[in-house]
Protein backbone atom coordinates (compact mmCIF):
# COMPACT_ATOMS: atom_id res chain seq x y z
CA MET A 1 -50.89 -19.04 27.04
CA GLU A 2 -53.64 -18.81 24.43
CA LEU A 3 -54.24 -21.94 22.32
CA PHE A 4 -53.17 -20.63 18.90
CA GLU A 5 -50.15 -18.88 20.39
CA ALA A 6 -49.08 -22.21 21.90
CA ILE A 7 -49.52 -24.05 18.61
CA PHE A 8 -47.76 -21.40 16.51
CA THR A 9 -44.82 -20.81 18.89
CA ARG A 10 -44.00 -24.36 20.04
CA ARG A 11 -40.68 -25.49 18.65
CA SER A 12 -38.42 -28.49 19.03
CA VAL A 13 -35.67 -27.57 21.48
CA ARG A 14 -32.50 -29.63 21.66
CA LYS A 15 -30.41 -27.56 24.10
CA PHE A 16 -31.34 -27.28 27.75
CA THR A 17 -30.04 -25.49 30.84
CA ASN A 18 -29.11 -27.50 33.92
CA GLN A 19 -32.21 -26.33 35.83
CA GLN A 20 -34.25 -29.18 37.29
CA VAL A 21 -37.92 -29.74 36.39
CA SER A 22 -40.36 -30.33 39.22
CA LEU A 23 -42.44 -33.49 39.41
CA GLU A 24 -45.47 -31.23 39.76
CA LEU A 25 -44.86 -29.72 36.29
CA LEU A 26 -44.16 -33.13 34.79
CA GLU A 27 -47.40 -34.54 36.18
CA LYS A 28 -49.36 -31.52 34.96
CA THR A 29 -48.08 -32.09 31.43
CA LEU A 30 -48.76 -35.83 31.65
CA LYS A 31 -52.33 -35.08 32.70
CA ALA A 32 -52.69 -33.02 29.51
CA ALA A 33 -51.24 -35.91 27.50
CA MET A 34 -53.89 -38.21 28.94
CA TYR A 35 -56.62 -35.86 27.73
CA ALA A 36 -55.70 -36.57 24.11
CA PRO A 37 -58.30 -38.18 21.88
CA SER A 38 -57.98 -41.93 21.42
CA GLY A 39 -59.70 -44.55 19.30
CA ARG A 40 -62.86 -45.75 21.04
CA ASN A 41 -61.60 -43.75 24.05
CA MET A 42 -59.40 -46.71 24.98
CA GLN A 43 -56.45 -44.51 26.03
CA SER A 44 -53.99 -47.24 25.16
CA TRP A 45 -50.94 -45.40 26.41
CA GLN A 46 -48.51 -45.67 29.29
CA PHE A 47 -45.80 -43.16 30.23
CA VAL A 48 -42.35 -43.76 31.68
CA VAL A 49 -40.78 -40.68 33.27
CA ILE A 50 -36.99 -40.75 33.27
CA ASN A 51 -35.34 -38.34 35.69
CA GLN A 52 -32.40 -40.46 36.82
CA ARG A 53 -29.20 -39.03 35.32
CA SER A 54 -27.61 -42.43 34.58
CA LEU A 55 -30.67 -43.47 32.54
CA LEU A 56 -30.82 -40.13 30.70
CA ASP A 57 -27.14 -40.49 29.86
CA SER A 58 -27.78 -43.99 28.45
CA ILE A 59 -30.35 -42.76 25.93
CA PRO A 60 -27.94 -41.53 23.19
CA LYS A 61 -26.36 -44.99 23.11
CA ILE A 62 -29.75 -46.33 22.00
CA HIS A 63 -31.06 -43.42 19.93
CA PRO A 64 -28.51 -41.79 17.60
CA TYR A 65 -30.47 -38.50 17.37
CA ALA A 66 -31.14 -38.05 21.10
CA GLU A 67 -27.89 -36.52 22.31
CA MET A 68 -29.93 -33.75 23.94
CA ALA A 69 -30.77 -36.30 26.66
CA TYR A 70 -27.33 -35.56 28.15
CA GLN A 71 -28.63 -32.06 29.01
CA ALA A 72 -32.31 -32.81 29.60
CA ALA A 73 -33.65 -32.61 33.13
CA ALA A 74 -36.09 -35.42 32.38
CA ALA A 75 -37.62 -37.39 29.54
CA VAL A 76 -40.93 -39.11 28.97
CA VAL A 77 -41.24 -42.29 26.97
CA VAL A 78 -44.73 -42.57 25.53
CA CYS A 79 -45.65 -46.24 25.15
CA GLY A 80 -48.46 -48.13 23.50
CA ASP A 81 -50.13 -50.77 25.64
CA GLU A 82 -51.43 -53.64 23.52
CA SER A 83 -53.14 -55.21 26.57
CA ILE A 84 -55.52 -52.23 26.44
CA GLN A 85 -55.80 -52.06 22.65
CA PRO A 86 -54.24 -54.92 20.66
CA SER A 87 -54.50 -53.19 17.28
CA GLU A 88 -51.06 -51.74 16.48
CA PRO A 89 -52.29 -48.94 14.21
CA ARG A 90 -54.72 -47.80 16.91
CA TRP A 91 -52.33 -47.64 19.85
CA ALA A 92 -49.76 -45.90 17.64
CA ILE A 93 -52.29 -43.24 16.60
CA ASN A 94 -53.36 -42.82 20.23
CA CYS A 95 -49.73 -42.41 21.31
CA ALA A 96 -49.15 -39.80 18.60
CA ASN A 97 -52.10 -37.80 19.90
CA ALA A 98 -50.87 -38.08 23.49
CA THR A 99 -47.36 -37.05 22.44
CA MET A 100 -48.64 -33.92 20.71
CA ASN A 101 -50.72 -32.97 23.75
CA LEU A 102 -47.64 -33.56 25.92
CA LEU A 103 -45.49 -31.29 23.72
CA LEU A 104 -48.05 -28.49 23.77
CA ALA A 105 -48.50 -28.80 27.55
CA ILE A 106 -44.73 -28.71 28.07
CA HIS A 107 -44.58 -25.50 26.05
CA GLY A 108 -47.58 -24.11 27.92
CA VAL A 109 -45.91 -24.45 31.33
CA GLY A 110 -42.70 -22.76 30.17
CA LEU A 111 -40.63 -25.87 29.51
CA SER A 112 -39.20 -27.10 26.23
CA ALA A 113 -38.94 -30.49 24.55
CA VAL A 114 -38.38 -32.38 21.34
CA TRP A 115 -40.11 -35.47 19.92
CA CYS A 116 -37.65 -38.28 19.18
CA GLY A 117 -39.24 -41.18 17.36
CA LEU A 118 -38.87 -44.72 18.66
CA TYR A 119 -41.67 -46.44 16.76
CA PRO A 120 -41.48 -48.14 14.26
CA ASP A 121 -37.66 -48.47 14.56
CA SER A 122 -37.23 -51.94 16.05
CA SER A 123 -33.67 -51.37 17.32
CA ARG A 124 -34.76 -48.27 19.25
CA GLN A 125 -37.79 -50.07 20.62
CA ILE A 126 -35.70 -53.03 21.76
CA GLY A 127 -33.13 -50.68 23.31
CA PHE A 128 -35.74 -48.80 25.31
CA ARG A 129 -37.58 -51.97 26.23
CA THR A 130 -34.31 -53.26 27.70
CA LEU A 131 -33.25 -49.97 29.33
CA LEU A 132 -36.61 -49.45 31.04
CA LYS A 133 -37.41 -53.13 31.70
CA LEU A 134 -40.69 -52.86 29.80
CA PRO A 135 -42.99 -55.89 29.63
CA ASN A 136 -43.62 -57.40 26.19
CA HIS A 137 -47.08 -55.86 25.78
CA ILE A 138 -45.67 -52.31 26.18
CA HIS A 139 -44.27 -50.72 23.02
CA PRO A 140 -42.03 -47.64 23.25
CA PHE A 141 -43.44 -45.12 20.78
CA ALA A 142 -41.78 -41.74 21.40
CA LEU A 143 -39.07 -40.23 23.54
CA VAL A 144 -39.61 -36.65 24.74
CA PRO A 145 -36.55 -35.08 26.39
CA ILE A 146 -37.65 -32.14 28.58
CA GLY A 147 -35.97 -29.17 30.20
CA TYR A 148 -35.65 -25.41 30.32
CA ALA A 149 -34.56 -24.10 26.93
CA ASP A 150 -31.02 -22.95 26.31
CA GLU A 151 -31.87 -21.96 22.73
CA SER A 152 -34.75 -20.16 21.00
CA PRO A 153 -35.46 -21.57 17.54
CA GLU A 154 -37.38 -19.15 15.34
CA PRO A 155 -40.95 -20.17 14.56
CA GLY A 156 -40.77 -19.78 10.79
CA GLU A 157 -43.76 -20.02 8.47
CA ARG A 158 -45.38 -23.43 8.03
CA PHE A 159 -48.74 -22.50 6.55
CA LEU A 160 -48.81 -23.73 2.96
CA PRO A 161 -52.09 -22.79 1.25
CA ASP A 162 -51.22 -24.88 -1.83
CA ARG A 163 -51.58 -28.00 0.34
CA ILE A 164 -55.24 -27.30 1.01
CA HIS A 165 -57.81 -28.85 -1.33
CA TYR A 166 -61.52 -28.15 -1.06
CA ASN A 167 -64.02 -30.85 -1.93
CA GLN A 168 -61.77 -32.53 -4.50
CA TRP A 169 -58.07 -32.71 -5.36
């Protein structure tokens, strides 16, 4: 898939088929996530892949807007690692970049996903820290449920020229 086609056609998908996702595809998309830019190239992220049905089914109890996890074949929790980069704004920005790369890579390999925010919601972070037995220096940032799409949201127009300012406001 060509770059701009991937950017313009990627959509958040919340309905999935029951088809399984191979570990090979998951690892390919995670490799793309790890190629995201990061502050001072510190790559202060960690990833937890969830493909155990009982864990996926526990997610909506923690995150009220993640009911799609019941159908997802897998999910990735993108986490900030403060042992690599202690500055909270930096690891959060790095995780956002990695999450976007992950979403584009998922789309590029023919899968679908949606970004469900965990950070900065403390109850969601605590819930995922408990569910996944995360150490204290690991901060859950985003949940990305993944699967084969069972819906096709229309792209719609998002380009808003009036939000572009040249040289001054």
